[in-house]
Amino acid sequence: MSAETPDPLDGFDATIHAPNRLRICALLDTAGEAEFGLVQQQLDLSASVLSKHVTVLMDAGYVEQRKAVRDTRQRVWLRLTRQGRDAYRGHLAALRAIVGPSDPAA
């Protein structure tokens, strides 16, 4: 790769690559914002497993949470930060570079 052409593998992000964190980022990229319980249900994860992965993503600056009361209960909504969305999309580009172009005829 020349100095002018960035290496697409530079976008590979080990923090996002863990399967559950990749699934969380994919869901939040599509949804924009989602309530913790919905993410838990959609990904079929226990609250503790989801919480651990969300904490890793928050510590990296990729996910933020918003807390509010709804139906007299404290709820938590999750969303990707701009940094998180950029990192997720860069990671997808790196994965595509690794596997190469898909051949629909194959």
Protein backbone atom coordinates (compact mmCIF):
# COMPACT_ATOMS: atom_id res chain seq x y z
CA MET A 1 0.00 0.00 0.00
CA SER A 2 1.27 3.44 -0.82
CA ALA A 3 1.31 6.25 1.71
CA GLU A 4 -1.63 7.85 -0.14
CA THR A 5 -3.85 4.76 -0.06
CA PRO A 6 -4.97 3.86 3.45
CA ASP A 7 -4.86 0.19 4.33
CA PRO A 8 -8.47 -0.97 4.85
CA LEU A 9 -7.19 -3.35 7.52
CA ASP A 10 -6.33 -0.31 9.64
CA GLY A 11 -10.05 -0.22 10.46
CA PHE A 12 -9.99 -3.66 12.07
CA ASP A 13 -11.07 -3.14 15.67
CA ALA A 14 -10.50 -5.95 18.18
CA THR A 15 -12.87 -4.27 20.65
CA ILE A 16 -15.76 -4.49 18.20
CA HIS A 17 -14.73 -7.84 16.71
CA ALA A 18 -15.91 -9.95 19.68
CA PRO A 19 -19.11 -11.58 18.36
CA ASN A 20 -21.54 -10.15 20.91
CA ARG A 21 -20.05 -6.65 20.68
CA LEU A 22 -20.22 -6.83 16.88
CA ARG A 23 -23.90 -7.81 17.14
CA ILE A 24 -24.58 -4.96 19.60
CA CYS A 25 -22.95 -2.44 17.24
CA ALA A 26 -24.85 -3.83 14.24
CA LEU A 27 -28.18 -3.52 16.06
CA LEU A 28 -27.46 0.00 17.31
CA ASP A 29 -26.17 1.13 13.91
CA THR A 30 -29.48 0.08 12.38
CA ALA A 31 -31.78 1.18 15.22
CA GLY A 32 -30.07 4.44 16.15
CA GLU A 33 -31.10 4.00 19.79
CA ALA A 34 -32.53 0.97 21.57
CA GLU A 35 -33.72 0.21 25.08
CA PHE A 36 -31.41 -2.17 26.98
CA GLY A 37 -34.15 -4.78 27.40
CA LEU A 38 -34.90 -4.78 23.68
CA VAL A 39 -31.22 -5.26 22.83
CA GLN A 40 -31.09 -8.08 25.38
CA GLN A 41 -34.16 -9.73 23.83
CA GLN A 42 -33.10 -9.25 20.20
CA LEU A 43 -29.63 -10.69 20.80
CA ASP A 44 -30.83 -13.38 23.25
CA LEU A 45 -28.27 -12.41 25.90
CA SER A 46 -28.53 -12.37 29.66
CA ALA A 47 -28.58 -8.94 31.27
CA SER A 48 -25.18 -9.55 32.86
CA VAL A 49 -23.51 -10.61 29.58
CA LEU A 50 -25.02 -7.66 27.71
CA SER A 51 -23.99 -5.29 30.50
CA LYS A 52 -20.38 -6.51 30.40
CA HIS A 53 -20.14 -6.03 26.64
CA VAL A 54 -21.83 -2.62 26.78
CA THR A 55 -19.35 -1.56 29.47
CA VAL A 56 -16.42 -2.49 27.21
CA LEU A 57 -17.98 -0.51 24.36
CA MET A 58 -18.68 2.47 26.64
CA ASP A 59 -15.12 2.42 28.01
CA ALA A 60 -13.88 2.58 24.41
CA GLY A 61 -16.15 5.57 23.76
CA TYR A 62 -18.25 3.62 21.24
CA VAL A 63 -21.59 3.44 23.07
CA GLU A 64 -23.40 5.85 25.34
CA GLN A 65 -26.42 5.32 27.49
CA ARG A 66 -29.34 7.49 28.40
CA LYS A 67 -31.36 6.78 31.53
CA ALA A 68 -34.96 7.84 31.99
CA VAL A 69 -38.04 6.74 33.85
CA ARG A 70 -40.75 5.08 31.80
CA ASP A 71 -43.80 3.35 33.26
CA THR A 72 -42.47 4.18 36.76
CA ARG A 73 -39.29 2.17 36.08
CA GLN A 74 -35.77 3.30 35.33
CA ARG A 75 -34.93 2.44 31.71
CA VAL A 76 -31.62 2.56 29.88
CA TRP A 77 -31.33 3.36 26.19
CA LEU A 78 -28.16 2.62 24.25
CA ARG A 79 -26.78 4.27 21.15
CA LEU A 80 -23.54 4.34 19.20
CA THR A 81 -21.49 7.50 19.53
CA ARG A 82 -20.11 9.09 16.35
CA GLN A 83 -16.77 7.50 17.23
CA GLY A 84 -18.50 4.15 17.70
CA ARG A 85 -20.36 4.36 14.40
CA ASP A 86 -17.12 5.28 12.58
CA ALA A 87 -15.24 2.43 14.29
CA TYR A 88 -18.02 -0.07 13.51
CA ARG A 89 -18.20 0.92 9.85
CA GLY A 90 -14.40 0.91 9.58
CA HIS A 91 -14.37 -2.57 11.09
CA LEU A 92 -16.94 -3.77 8.54
CA ALA A 93 -14.79 -2.34 5.73
CA ALA A 94 -11.76 -4.18 7.14
CA LEU A 95 -13.70 -7.45 7.31
CA ARG A 96 -14.80 -6.99 3.69
CA ALA A 97 -11.17 -6.36 2.69
CA ILE A 98 -10.11 -9.55 4.48
CA VAL A 99 -12.72 -11.80 2.83
CA GLY A 100 -12.47 -10.12 -0.55
CA PRO A 101 -15.25 -9.30 -2.97
CA SER A 102 -18.22 -11.60 -2.91
CA ASP A 103 -19.06 -13.50 -6.04
CA PRO A 104 -22.85 -13.78 -6.41
CA ALA A 105 -22.39 -16.55 -9.00
CA ALA A 106 -20.48 -18.74 -6.55
